[in-house]
C-alpha cells in the first residue's frame, strides 16, 4: 500500500512545448531544461486531459507551451508527464493543500459497489474530489458499501493521499476507528464459539466478536478427505474454534481446531 501511495504523490511540474505526436501520445520538449540538447518527454494519451478526446491534437497544437507533472521515466529513461494533473489550476491547488493523515469533512455523493464518492468541503464547484475504497470504509465485514454509509450523509475521514492525476483525494473512514483486533489480541490461545459467516473452497470465516472475523482452514475442520467445507458446516452454524494467531499488521485472525472444531 505504501509503495502505491508513493507512486500517486504529486511530482514536479515542468513547462513543456508540444513537439509533435507519436500516435496518440504527445511528444513534449522541456522548455525549462538547463543547458545541453532539449530533452523530449512523453505525455501518454491517458495523461493528456481529463476530457474525453479522440486524439490529443484536439486539445494541443505543435509549439504550444503547457505545464505538465513528472510521473516517472520509462522507455529507455524517457521522461513521462501528465498534462491532466495541471489542467485545472484551482483543483491542483486544492489537492496540494492536503497532507496524509489530515482529517477532512464532506458529504457522501454516491455509493457504488466499488467505493464511495464524497464532496469534500471547499472543493472547486462542479467537482467531486473525495473517494473511499471499500476496504477503507470499516474494520467490519460488509457485503456492500451501503451498509457503511449512505448518500447525503456527512462524514469525517482521514486523507490517505491526494492524487493530482486523477483529481481525487483518497480517504479512509476506518482510520478514525479503533482497530478491533487490538483489543482482541489477548484472545490468542483461547477457545471461542461463533457463527460461520462465509464458506470458501479451502476454509470458513467465523465471527468471533463484533467486527472480528477469523479464518479456519479446511484442514482444521476434519482429518477426513472432503472436497469443500460446506460438506461439514453451513453458513450461520455455530462452531467452536481456537484463536491460534492475531496478525495486527495484516489484520487477520488464524483459527485452529478446538477438539475437532466441534459443531454445536
Protein backbone atom coordinates (compact mmCIF):
# COMPACT_ATOMS: atom_id res chain seq x y z
CA UNK A 1 0.00 0.00 0.00
CA UNK A 2 2.80 2.43 0.88
CA UNK A 3 4.53 1.93 -2.49
CA UNK A 4 1.22 2.67 -4.24
CA UNK A 5 0.78 5.84 -2.20
CA UNK A 6 4.31 6.94 -3.13
CA UNK A 7 3.51 6.47 -6.84
CA UNK A 8 0.37 8.60 -6.51
CA UNK A 9 2.04 11.55 -4.79
CA UNK A 10 2.35 14.66 -6.99
CA UNK A 11 5.58 15.06 -8.96
CA UNK A 12 7.41 18.20 -10.04
CA UNK A 13 5.71 20.50 -12.56
CA UNK A 14 7.63 21.18 -15.79
CA UNK A 15 6.97 23.69 -18.58
CA UNK A 16 6.99 21.89 -21.94
CA UNK A 17 6.39 22.74 -25.58
CA UNK A 18 4.34 20.37 -27.72
CA UNK A 19 6.82 18.99 -30.26
CA UNK A 20 4.51 16.57 -32.06
CA UNK A 21 2.52 13.39 -31.70
CA UNK A 22 3.52 9.73 -31.59
CA UNK A 23 0.25 8.01 -32.47
CA UNK A 24 -1.97 9.05 -29.52
CA UNK A 25 0.86 10.24 -27.25
CA UNK A 26 2.10 13.81 -27.07
CA UNK A 27 5.82 14.46 -27.53
CA UNK A 28 6.84 17.37 -25.31
CA UNK A 29 10.09 19.35 -25.34
CA UNK A 30 11.21 20.55 -21.92
CA UNK A 31 11.36 24.34 -22.02
CA UNK A 32 12.81 24.73 -18.54
CA UNK A 33 15.67 22.23 -19.05
CA UNK A 34 19.09 23.59 -18.08
CA UNK A 35 21.66 23.64 -20.93
CA UNK A 36 22.50 20.92 -23.45
CA UNK A 37 20.20 19.48 -26.08
CA UNK A 38 16.50 19.93 -25.26
CA UNK A 39 15.01 16.80 -23.70
CA UNK A 40 11.91 15.31 -25.27
CA UNK A 41 9.40 13.82 -22.87
CA UNK A 42 6.17 11.94 -23.48
CA UNK A 43 2.62 12.61 -22.36
CA UNK A 44 0.68 9.33 -22.71
CA UNK A 45 -2.78 9.64 -24.20
CA UNK A 46 -4.49 8.88 -20.89
CA UNK A 47 -2.48 11.67 -19.22
CA UNK A 48 -3.32 14.34 -21.81
CA UNK A 49 -6.60 15.56 -20.35
CA UNK A 50 -9.50 14.81 -18.03
CA UNK A 51 -11.75 15.34 -21.07
CA UNK A 52 -12.67 12.55 -23.46
CA UNK A 53 -10.65 13.00 -26.65
CA UNK A 54 -10.35 11.01 -29.83
CA UNK A 55 -6.81 12.36 -30.19
CA UNK A 56 -4.72 14.85 -28.17
CA UNK A 57 -4.43 17.06 -31.29
CA UNK A 58 -8.00 18.15 -30.50
CA UNK A 59 -6.59 19.94 -27.46
CA UNK A 60 -2.93 20.68 -28.23
CA UNK A 61 -1.09 22.09 -31.22
CA UNK A 62 2.61 21.91 -32.09
CA UNK A 63 4.53 24.76 -30.49
CA UNK A 64 2.03 25.27 -27.66
CA UNK A 65 3.51 25.63 -24.17
CA UNK A 66 1.80 23.84 -21.29
CA UNK A 67 2.55 22.73 -17.75
CA UNK A 68 2.80 19.02 -17.00
CA UNK A 69 3.65 16.93 -13.95
CA UNK A 70 6.52 14.44 -13.89
CA UNK A 71 5.27 10.88 -13.35
CA UNK A 72 8.42 8.83 -13.99
CA UNK A 73 10.87 7.57 -16.57
CA UNK A 74 10.24 4.61 -18.87
CA UNK A 75 11.13 3.54 -22.43
CA UNK A 76 14.90 3.98 -22.29
CA UNK A 77 14.75 6.55 -19.50
CA UNK A 78 12.34 8.86 -21.35
CA UNK A 79 10.55 11.27 -19.03
CA UNK A 80 6.79 10.71 -18.84
CA UNK A 81 4.49 13.56 -17.89
CA UNK A 82 0.86 14.25 -17.05
CA UNK A 83 -0.88 17.30 -18.51
CA UNK A 84 -4.17 16.38 -16.87
CA UNK A 85 -2.56 16.86 -13.44
CA UNK A 86 -2.14 20.57 -14.23
CA UNK A 87 -5.25 21.07 -16.36
CA UNK A 88 -7.41 22.75 -13.69
CA UNK A 89 -5.24 25.07 -11.56
CA UNK A 90 -7.91 25.53 -8.86
CA UNK A 91 -8.25 21.75 -8.48
CA UNK A 92 -4.50 21.25 -8.31
CA UNK A 93 -4.14 23.94 -5.64
CA UNK A 94 -6.97 22.33 -3.65
CA UNK A 95 -5.36 18.89 -3.81
CA UNK A 96 -1.87 20.10 -2.92
CA UNK A 97 -3.19 21.59 0.32
CA UNK A 98 -3.81 18.12 1.79
CA UNK A 99 -1.38 16.08 3.88
CA UNK A 100 -1.56 12.39 4.64
CA UNK A 101 -3.32 11.80 7.96
CA UNK A 102 -5.24 15.06 7.82
CA UNK A 103 -8.88 14.80 8.94
CA UNK A 104 -11.39 16.28 6.49
CA UNK A 105 -15.16 16.57 6.29
CA UNK A 106 -17.59 16.18 3.43
CA UNK A 107 -20.88 14.83 2.18
CA UNK A 108 -21.35 11.40 0.60
CA UNK A 109 -22.26 11.95 -3.04
CA UNK A 110 -22.75 8.41 -4.35
CA UNK A 111 -22.37 4.84 -3.11
CA UNK A 112 -21.27 2.12 -5.54
CA UNK A 113 -20.18 -1.48 -5.11
CA UNK A 114 -16.56 -0.45 -5.81
CA UNK A 115 -16.42 2.51 -3.41
CA UNK A 116 -17.88 5.80 -2.22
CA UNK A 117 -17.63 9.30 -3.73
CA UNK A 118 -17.53 12.27 -1.39
CA UNK A 119 -17.98 16.01 -1.95
CA UNK A 120 -15.23 17.48 0.22
CA UNK A 121 -15.82 20.81 1.91
CA UNK A 122 -14.17 23.63 -0.02
CA UNK A 123 -13.60 21.74 -3.26
CA UNK A 124 -13.95 23.64 -6.56
CA UNK A 125 -17.52 23.94 -7.83
CA UNK A 126 -18.73 21.22 -10.13
CA UNK A 127 -16.24 18.62 -8.94
CA UNK A 128 -16.36 15.61 -6.62
CA UNK A 129 -12.89 15.03 -5.22
CA UNK A 130 -13.20 12.51 -2.39
CA UNK A 131 -13.16 8.72 -2.81
CA UNK A 132 -13.20 5.87 -0.29
CA UNK A 133 -12.25 2.34 -1.36
CA UNK A 134 -14.36 -0.45 0.09
CA UNK A 135 -11.52 -1.77 2.34
CA UNK A 136 -11.15 1.73 3.84
CA UNK A 137 -14.79 2.06 4.89
CA UNK A 138 -14.86 -0.04 8.04
CA UNK A 139 -12.98 -2.68 10.01
CA UNK A 140 -16.11 -4.82 9.94
CA UNK A 141 -17.30 -7.26 7.31
CA UNK A 142 -19.77 -5.73 4.82
CA UNK A 143 -21.36 -7.05 1.65
CA UNK A 144 -21.87 -3.61 0.11
CA UNK A 145 -20.66 -0.06 0.92
CA UNK A 146 -24.28 0.98 1.54
CA UNK A 147 -24.01 -0.94 4.82
CA UNK A 148 -21.44 1.61 6.00
CA UNK A 149 -22.62 4.96 4.56
CA UNK A 150 -25.46 6.47 2.53
CA UNK A 151 -25.77 9.29 0.02
CA UNK A 152 -26.22 12.67 1.69
CA UNK A 153 -24.50 11.59 4.90
CA UNK A 154 -21.99 13.98 6.47
CA UNK A 155 -18.73 12.24 7.33
CA UNK A 156 -15.24 12.87 8.68
CA UNK A 157 -12.38 10.86 7.18
CA UNK A 158 -8.60 10.71 7.09
CA UNK A 159 -6.60 11.60 3.99
CA UNK A 160 -4.64 8.67 2.55
CA UNK A 161 -3.24 10.53 -0.46
CA UNK A 162 -4.27 13.45 -2.68
CA UNK A 163 -3.69 12.48 -6.31
CA UNK A 164 -3.37 15.28 -8.85
CA UNK A 165 -3.53 12.99 -11.89
CA UNK A 166 -6.96 11.58 -11.03
CA UNK A 167 -8.11 14.76 -9.32
CA UNK A 168 -9.14 12.81 -6.24
CA UNK A 169 -8.39 12.61 -2.53
CA UNK A 170 -8.26 9.01 -1.35
CA UNK A 171 -9.88 8.81 2.07
CA UNK A 172 -10.25 6.33 4.91
CA UNK A 173 -13.17 6.15 7.30
CA UNK A 174 -11.80 3.25 9.28
CA UNK A 175 -8.58 5.14 10.05
CA UNK A 176 -10.63 7.16 12.54
CA UNK A 177 -11.99 3.99 14.15
CA UNK A 178 -10.16 1.78 16.63
CA UNK A 179 -8.90 -1.46 15.10
CA UNK A 180 -11.00 -4.12 16.88
CA UNK A 181 -8.11 -6.60 16.67
CA UNK A 182 -6.08 -4.53 19.12
CA UNK A 183 -8.44 -5.41 21.94
CA UNK A 184 -8.95 -8.92 20.60
CA UNK A 185 -5.21 -9.74 20.55
CA UNK A 186 -5.28 -11.08 24.12
CA UNK A 187 -7.66 -13.84 23.00
CA UNK A 188 -4.85 -15.85 21.38
CA UNK A 189 -4.91 -19.39 22.71
CA UNK A 190 -8.50 -19.22 23.88
CA UNK A 191 -11.34 -21.46 22.71
CA UNK A 192 -14.24 -19.48 21.24
CA UNK A 193 -17.60 -20.19 19.64
CA UNK A 194 -19.07 -18.21 16.77
CA UNK A 195 -21.18 -18.49 13.63
CA UNK A 196 -19.78 -19.36 10.23
CA UNK A 197 -20.19 -16.20 8.13
CA UNK A 198 -18.72 -17.33 4.82
CA UNK A 199 -17.61 -20.59 3.22
CA UNK A 200 -14.92 -20.68 0.54
CA UNK A 201 -13.36 -23.74 -1.16
CA UNK A 202 -10.45 -24.04 1.29
CA UNK A 203 -11.93 -22.89 4.58
CA UNK A 204 -14.51 -20.86 6.50
CA UNK A 205 -14.74 -17.47 8.16
CA UNK A 206 -16.07 -17.35 11.69
CA UNK A 207 -17.33 -14.30 13.59
CA UNK A 208 -15.55 -14.17 16.92
CA UNK A 209 -16.61 -10.74 18.21
CA UNK A 210 -18.17 -7.55 16.78
CA UNK A 211 -16.16 -6.63 13.64
CA UNK A 212 -13.74 -9.53 14.23
CA UNK A 213 -13.59 -12.45 11.80
CA UNK A 214 -11.24 -15.40 11.92
CA UNK A 215 -10.30 -17.90 9.22
CA UNK A 216 -10.33 -21.65 9.77
CA UNK A 217 -8.61 -23.71 7.08
CA UNK A 218 -10.35 -26.83 5.76
CA UNK A 219 -7.56 -28.98 7.15
CA UNK A 220 -8.51 -27.80 10.67
CA UNK A 221 -12.15 -28.80 10.23
CA UNK A 222 -11.57 -32.54 9.78
CA UNK A 223 -8.94 -35.20 9.24
CA UNK A 224 -11.20 -36.93 6.74
CA UNK A 225 -10.84 -36.27 2.97
CA UNK A 226 -13.51 -33.78 1.84
CA UNK A 227 -13.67 -31.56 -1.21
CA UNK A 228 -15.23 -28.42 0.26
CA UNK A 229 -16.09 -27.14 3.77
CA UNK A 230 -19.83 -26.99 3.00
CA UNK A 231 -19.82 -30.78 3.30
CA UNK A 232 -19.13 -30.22 7.01
CA UNK A 233 -20.68 -26.90 8.05
CA UNK A 234 -23.36 -24.43 6.92
CA UNK A 235 -23.33 -20.64 6.93
CA UNK A 236 -24.81 -19.39 10.20
CA UNK A 237 -23.89 -22.56 12.04
CA UNK A 238 -22.04 -22.21 15.36
CA UNK A 239 -18.65 -23.87 15.61
CA UNK A 240 -16.04 -23.96 18.34
CA UNK A 241 -12.50 -22.92 17.39
CA UNK A 242 -9.23 -21.85 18.92
CA UNK A 243 -7.69 -18.42 18.26
CA UNK A 244 -4.27 -19.52 17.02
CA UNK A 245 -2.81 -16.19 15.88
CA UNK A 246 -3.72 -12.50 15.64
CA UNK A 247 -1.72 -10.67 12.96
CA UNK A 248 -2.23 -6.94 13.54
CA UNK A 249 -0.10 -5.90 10.57
CA UNK A 250 -2.09 -7.95 8.06
CA UNK A 251 -5.28 -7.58 10.11
CA UNK A 252 -6.26 -11.22 10.23
CA UNK A 253 -7.01 -13.95 12.75
CA UNK A 254 -5.90 -17.50 12.10
CA UNK A 255 -8.01 -20.18 13.76
CA UNK A 256 -7.26 -23.73 14.72
CA UNK A 257 -9.32 -26.71 15.69
CA UNK A 258 -10.58 -26.93 19.26
CA UNK A 259 -11.31 -30.58 19.96
CA UNK A 260 -12.02 -31.13 16.27
CA UNK A 261 -13.88 -27.81 15.98
CA UNK A 262 -16.98 -29.44 17.40
CA UNK A 263 -20.23 -28.38 15.83
CA UNK A 264 -22.85 -27.14 18.27
